[in-house]
Structures are given as C-alpha cells and as structure tokens.
Amino acid sequence: MKPANFFRIFFFIAACFIYSNASAQTNVLGGWYIATLNYNINQKFALYSEAQVHSQRITNDFDDRELKIGASYYLPDKNSFFVGFGNYKTYSFPGNFKKPVAVNENRIWEQFLFAENSPLGILHCNKQEQFFRCLVYAK
C-alpha cells in the first residue's frame, strides 16, 4: 500500500471514530449576537467598537459578553496597523448573565495587515494578543 493511501485511510477511520464518540453539543439552538461600529476619522485613522453576547438558547441563557474597542492607522499601499482592547466575561450557567462571573478577561492586541501586490489580492494579517484573566468560581 502506498504511504499516501495509508494516511488517507488512517485519517478517515480516525475521523469516524472521533465523530462517533463526540457529544459536546446539545440539540438546543443558541446564538452569537454581534454589533459592530466602524468610524473613519480621516484618511489615516479609524475607530472600531464591537459588542457580542452568546446565548445557550436563542433568546435565553446568555452566558458570555464581549466588549471591544480599537483604533486603526492606515499606511500606504493598503497596509494598516490596529491596536485594540477587549473585556470578556463568562457568567454562571444557566441564567441570563447570572452572577458570579466565572471568568473575567481583558485582552490587548496589536494587528498588522499588509496586502500583496498580486492579481489575487491576498491580504495577510499578523496578530499578537495578550490576555489577563481573573478566574472567579462559584463557591
């Protein structure tokens, strides 16, 4: 048997095994709700803000909340630099933003986007992120 065929068969069997034993989700629909605001100050600077909430059910059991802000500086040739800050909270489940907060996390990230001069219009993103987490478990 050729090595390429062996690996295909191996990964197919492994995928079937993992799929048959996985049970991480329930049959209940949940959702992510996102609102984003971008504001261009001028040709060089822009502001960004975003709010997200996650629910375990479509309109109930909200347990995650994210608030983010940031600023972009546009460089020549479709390149840009972005710096942002975010606050992420995970609440106790079940319930709508039920306290105590299980995880309170702050993140700072820097991001550099640069475009390739090619007919495909490829855009590269280099992102560096630091996070500061406070775990608070229910007693």
C-alpha atoms as a PDB file:
ATOM      1  CA  MET A   1       0.000   0.000   0.000  1.00  0.00           C
ATOM      2  CA  LYS A   2       1.320   3.427  -0.936  1.00  0.00           C
ATOM      3  CA  PRO A   3       2.022   5.788   2.000  1.00  0.00           C
ATOM      4  CA  ALA A   4      -0.447   8.384   0.661  1.00  0.00           C
ATOM      5  CA  ASN A   5      -3.274   5.826   0.588  1.00  0.00           C
ATOM      6  CA  PHE A   6      -2.360   4.572   4.054  1.00  0.00           C
ATOM      7  CA  PHE A   7      -2.632   8.075   5.528  1.00  0.00           C
ATOM      8  CA  ARG A   8      -5.956   8.717   3.793  1.00  0.00           C
ATOM      9  CA  ILE A   9      -7.422   5.515   5.194  1.00  0.00           C
ATOM     10  CA  PHE A  10      -5.943   6.191   8.646  1.00  0.00           C
ATOM     11  CA  PHE A  11      -7.354   9.726   8.840  1.00  0.00           C
ATOM     12  CA  PHE A  12     -10.754   8.581   7.547  1.00  0.00           C
ATOM     13  CA  ILE A  13     -11.001   5.887  10.238  1.00  0.00           C
ATOM     14  CA  ALA A  14      -9.747   8.285  12.915  1.00  0.00           C
ATOM     15  CA  ALA A  15     -12.318  10.915  11.860  1.00  0.00           C
ATOM     16  CA  CYS A  16     -15.137   8.354  12.007  1.00  0.00           C
ATOM     17  CA  PHE A  17     -14.047   7.235  15.472  1.00  0.00           C
ATOM     18  CA  ILE A  18     -13.804  10.774  16.813  1.00  0.00           C
ATOM     19  CA  TYR A  19     -17.189  11.733  15.315  1.00  0.00           C
ATOM     20  CA  SER A  20     -18.956   8.684  16.743  1.00  0.00           C
ATOM     21  CA  ASN A  21     -17.668   9.354  20.270  1.00  0.00           C
ATOM     22  CA  ALA A  22     -18.105  13.130  20.352  1.00  0.00           C
ATOM     23  CA  SER A  23     -21.043  14.542  22.318  1.00  0.00           C
ATOM     24  CA  ALA A  24     -20.132  18.105  23.231  1.00  0.00           C
ATOM     25  CA  GLN A  25     -23.282  19.800  21.965  1.00  0.00           C
ATOM     26  CA  THR A  26     -26.954  19.538  22.767  1.00  0.00           C
ATOM     27  CA  ASN A  27     -29.840  19.767  20.297  1.00  0.00           C
ATOM     28  CA  VAL A  28     -30.831  23.211  21.596  1.00  0.00           C
ATOM     29  CA  LEU A  29     -30.146  26.187  19.319  1.00  0.00           C
ATOM     30  CA  GLY A  30     -28.067  29.015  20.712  1.00  0.00           C
ATOM     31  CA  GLY A  31     -26.626  32.106  19.112  1.00  0.00           C
ATOM     32  CA  TRP A  32     -23.991  34.828  18.890  1.00  0.00           C
ATOM     33  CA  TYR A  33     -25.349  38.356  18.625  1.00  0.00           C
ATOM     34  CA  ILE A  34     -22.856  40.937  17.346  1.00  0.00           C
ATOM     35  CA  ALA A  35     -22.989  44.706  16.825  1.00  0.00           C
ATOM     36  CA  THR A  36     -20.010  46.452  15.182  1.00  0.00           C
ATOM     37  CA  LEU A  37     -19.327  50.134  14.633  1.00  0.00           C
ATOM     38  CA  ASN A  38     -16.536  51.494  12.406  1.00  0.00           C
ATOM     39  CA  TYR A  39     -15.856  55.221  12.174  1.00  0.00           C
ATOM     40  CA  ASN A  40     -13.276  56.729   9.809  1.00  0.00           C
ATOM     41  CA  ILE A  41     -11.881  59.890  11.385  1.00  0.00           C
ATOM     42  CA  ASN A  42      -9.915  60.790   8.251  1.00  0.00           C
ATOM     43  CA  GLN A  43      -7.802  59.119   5.542  1.00  0.00           C
ATOM     44  CA  LYS A  44      -5.277  57.825   8.112  1.00  0.00           C
ATOM     45  CA  PHE A  45      -7.231  56.980  11.296  1.00  0.00           C
ATOM     46  CA  ALA A  46     -10.333  54.942  12.150  1.00  0.00           C
ATOM     47  CA  LEU A  47     -12.077  53.814  15.336  1.00  0.00           C
ATOM     48  CA  TYR A  48     -13.655  50.430  15.929  1.00  0.00           C
ATOM     49  CA  SER A  49     -16.055  49.080  18.550  1.00  0.00           C
ATOM     50  CA  GLU A  50     -17.856  45.786  18.934  1.00  0.00           C
ATOM     51  CA  ALA A  51     -20.257  44.162  21.384  1.00  0.00           C
ATOM     52  CA  GLN A  52     -21.095  40.449  21.431  1.00  0.00           C
ATOM     53  CA  VAL A  53     -23.316  38.248  23.543  1.00  0.00           C
ATOM     54  CA  HIS A  54     -23.667  34.485  23.406  1.00  0.00           C
ATOM     55  CA  SER A  55     -26.721  32.517  24.419  1.00  0.00           C
ATOM     56  CA  GLN A  56     -27.134  28.814  25.057  1.00  0.00           C
ATOM     57  CA  ARG A  57     -30.690  29.132  23.741  1.00  0.00           C
ATOM     58  CA  ILE A  58     -31.822  31.544  21.057  1.00  0.00           C
ATOM     59  CA  THR A  59     -33.246  34.171  23.435  1.00  0.00           C
ATOM     60  CA  ASN A  60     -32.333  32.796  26.861  1.00  0.00           C
ATOM     61  CA  ASP A  61     -29.357  31.680  28.989  1.00  0.00           C
ATOM     62  CA  PHE A  62     -26.972  34.448  27.965  1.00  0.00           C
ATOM     63  CA  ASP A  63     -23.639  33.453  29.446  1.00  0.00           C
ATOM     64  CA  ASP A  64     -20.882  35.311  27.527  1.00  0.00           C
ATOM     65  CA  ARG A  65     -20.343  39.006  26.887  1.00  0.00           C
ATOM     66  CA  GLU A  66     -17.555  40.717  24.917  1.00  0.00           C
ATOM     67  CA  LEU A  67     -16.873  44.455  24.589  1.00  0.00           C
ATOM     68  CA  LYS A  68     -14.063  45.626  22.288  1.00  0.00           C
ATOM     69  CA  ILE A  69     -12.641  48.966  21.163  1.00  0.00           C
ATOM     70  CA  GLY A  70      -9.712  49.832  18.954  1.00  0.00           C
ATOM     71  CA  ALA A  71      -8.043  52.209  16.545  1.00  0.00           C
ATOM     72  CA  SER A  72      -6.515  51.744  13.094  1.00  0.00           C
ATOM     73  CA  TYR A  73      -3.753  53.672  11.375  1.00  0.00           C
ATOM     74  CA  TYR A  74      -3.718  53.290   7.594  1.00  0.00           C
ATOM     75  CA  LEU A  75      -0.310  53.032   5.939  1.00  0.00           C
ATOM     76  CA  PRO A  76       0.456  53.373   2.224  1.00  0.00           C
ATOM     77  CA  ASP A  77      -0.282  50.526  -0.237  1.00  0.00           C
ATOM     78  CA  LYS A  78      -3.365  49.153   1.582  1.00  0.00           C
ATOM     79  CA  ASN A  79      -1.414  48.319   4.749  1.00  0.00           C
ATOM     80  CA  SER A  80      -2.694  49.136   8.229  1.00  0.00           C
ATOM     81  CA  PHE A  81      -1.849  48.854  11.902  1.00  0.00           C
ATOM     82  CA  PHE A  82      -4.532  48.223  14.533  1.00  0.00           C
ATOM     83  CA  VAL A  83      -4.440  48.209  18.331  1.00  0.00           C
ATOM     84  CA  GLY A  84      -7.400  47.131  20.423  1.00  0.00           C
ATOM     85  CA  PHE A  85      -8.671  46.348  23.907  1.00  0.00           C
ATOM     86  CA  GLY A  86     -11.392  43.901  24.888  1.00  0.00           C
ATOM     87  CA  ASN A  87     -13.197  42.816  28.029  1.00  0.00           C
ATOM     88  CA  TYR A  88     -14.645  39.288  28.034  1.00  0.00           C
ATOM     89  CA  LYS A  89     -16.898  37.913  30.759  1.00  0.00           C
ATOM     90  CA  THR A  90     -18.287  34.415  31.167  1.00  0.00           C
ATOM     91  CA  TYR A  91     -21.201  34.161  33.572  1.00  0.00           C
ATOM     92  CA  SER A  92     -22.565  31.231  35.528  1.00  0.00           C
ATOM     93  CA  PHE A  93     -24.847  28.884  33.627  1.00  0.00           C
ATOM     94  CA  PRO A  94     -27.837  28.550  33.393  1.00  0.00           C
ATOM     95  CA  GLY A  95     -29.297  32.045  33.598  1.00  0.00           C
ATOM     96  CA  ASN A  96     -29.094  35.406  31.868  1.00  0.00           C
ATOM     97  CA  PHE A  97     -25.781  36.979  32.874  1.00  0.00           C
ATOM     98  CA  LYS A  98     -26.123  35.180  36.203  1.00  0.00           C
ATOM     99  CA  LYS A  99     -23.559  36.124  38.808  1.00  0.00           C
ATOM    100  CA  PRO A 100     -20.998  35.247  39.994  1.00  0.00           C
ATOM    101  CA  VAL A 101     -18.833  35.864  36.950  1.00  0.00           C
ATOM    102  CA  ALA A 102     -16.887  32.673  36.190  1.00  0.00           C
ATOM    103  CA  VAL A 103     -14.183  34.332  34.039  1.00  0.00           C
ATOM    104  CA  ASN A 104     -13.279  37.994  33.690  1.00  0.00           C
ATOM    105  CA  GLU A 105     -10.658  38.530  30.998  1.00  0.00           C
ATOM    106  CA  ASN A 106      -9.046  41.599  29.463  1.00  0.00           C
ATOM    107  CA  ARG A 107      -7.194  41.397  26.166  1.00  0.00           C
ATOM    108  CA  ILE A 108      -4.902  43.774  24.322  1.00  0.00           C
ATOM    109  CA  TRP A 109      -3.955  43.036  20.746  1.00  0.00           C
ATOM    110  CA  GLU A 110      -1.830  44.509  18.002  1.00  0.00           C
ATOM    111  CA  GLN A 111      -2.505  43.675  14.396  1.00  0.00           C
ATOM    112  CA  PHE A 112      -0.665  44.449  11.171  1.00  0.00           C
ATOM    113  CA  LEU A 113      -2.407  43.951   7.817  1.00  0.00           C
ATOM    114  CA  PHE A 114      -0.495  44.066   4.578  1.00  0.00           C
ATOM    115  CA  ALA A 115      -1.604  43.436   1.016  1.00  0.00           C
ATOM    116  CA  GLU A 116       0.395  41.560  -1.580  1.00  0.00           C
ATOM    117  CA  ASN A 117       0.871  43.163  -4.958  1.00  0.00           C
ATOM    118  CA  SER A 118      -0.640  40.265  -6.879  1.00  0.00           C
ATOM    119  CA  PRO A 119      -3.632  39.725  -9.137  1.00  0.00           C
ATOM    120  CA  LEU A 120      -5.265  37.608  -6.405  1.00  0.00           C
ATOM    121  CA  GLY A 121      -5.457  40.478  -3.898  1.00  0.00           C
ATOM    122  CA  ILE A 122      -4.081  38.457  -0.985  1.00  0.00           C
ATOM    123  CA  LEU A 123      -4.210  40.166   2.416  1.00  0.00           C
ATOM    124  CA  HIS A 124      -2.005  38.985   5.284  1.00  0.00           C
ATOM    125  CA  CYS A 125      -2.807  39.521   8.962  1.00  0.00           C
ATOM    126  CA  ASN A 126      -0.243  39.311  11.750  1.00  0.00           C
ATOM    127  CA  LYS A 127      -1.864  39.488  15.175  1.00  0.00           C
ATOM    128  CA  GLN A 128      -0.326  39.456  18.623  1.00  0.00           C
ATOM    129  CA  GLU A 129      -2.584  39.198  21.660  1.00  0.00           C
ATOM    130  CA  GLN A 130      -2.023  39.442  25.394  1.00  0.00           C
ATOM    131  CA  PHE A 131      -4.688  38.441  27.890  1.00  0.00           C
ATOM    132  CA  PHE A 132      -5.124  38.948  31.614  1.00  0.00           C
ATOM    133  CA  ARG A 133      -7.573  36.536  33.200  1.00  0.00           C
ATOM    134  CA  CYS A 134      -9.273  36.514  36.575  1.00  0.00           C
ATOM    135  CA  LEU A 135     -10.984  33.215  37.346  1.00  0.00           C
ATOM    136  CA  VAL A 136     -13.793  33.503  39.865  1.00  0.00           C
ATOM    137  CA  TYR A 137     -15.601  30.235  40.524  1.00  0.00           C
ATOM    138  CA  ALA A 138     -18.877  29.898  42.400  1.00  0.00           C
ATOM    139  CA  LYS A 139     -18.383  28.680  45.929  1.00  0.00           C
END
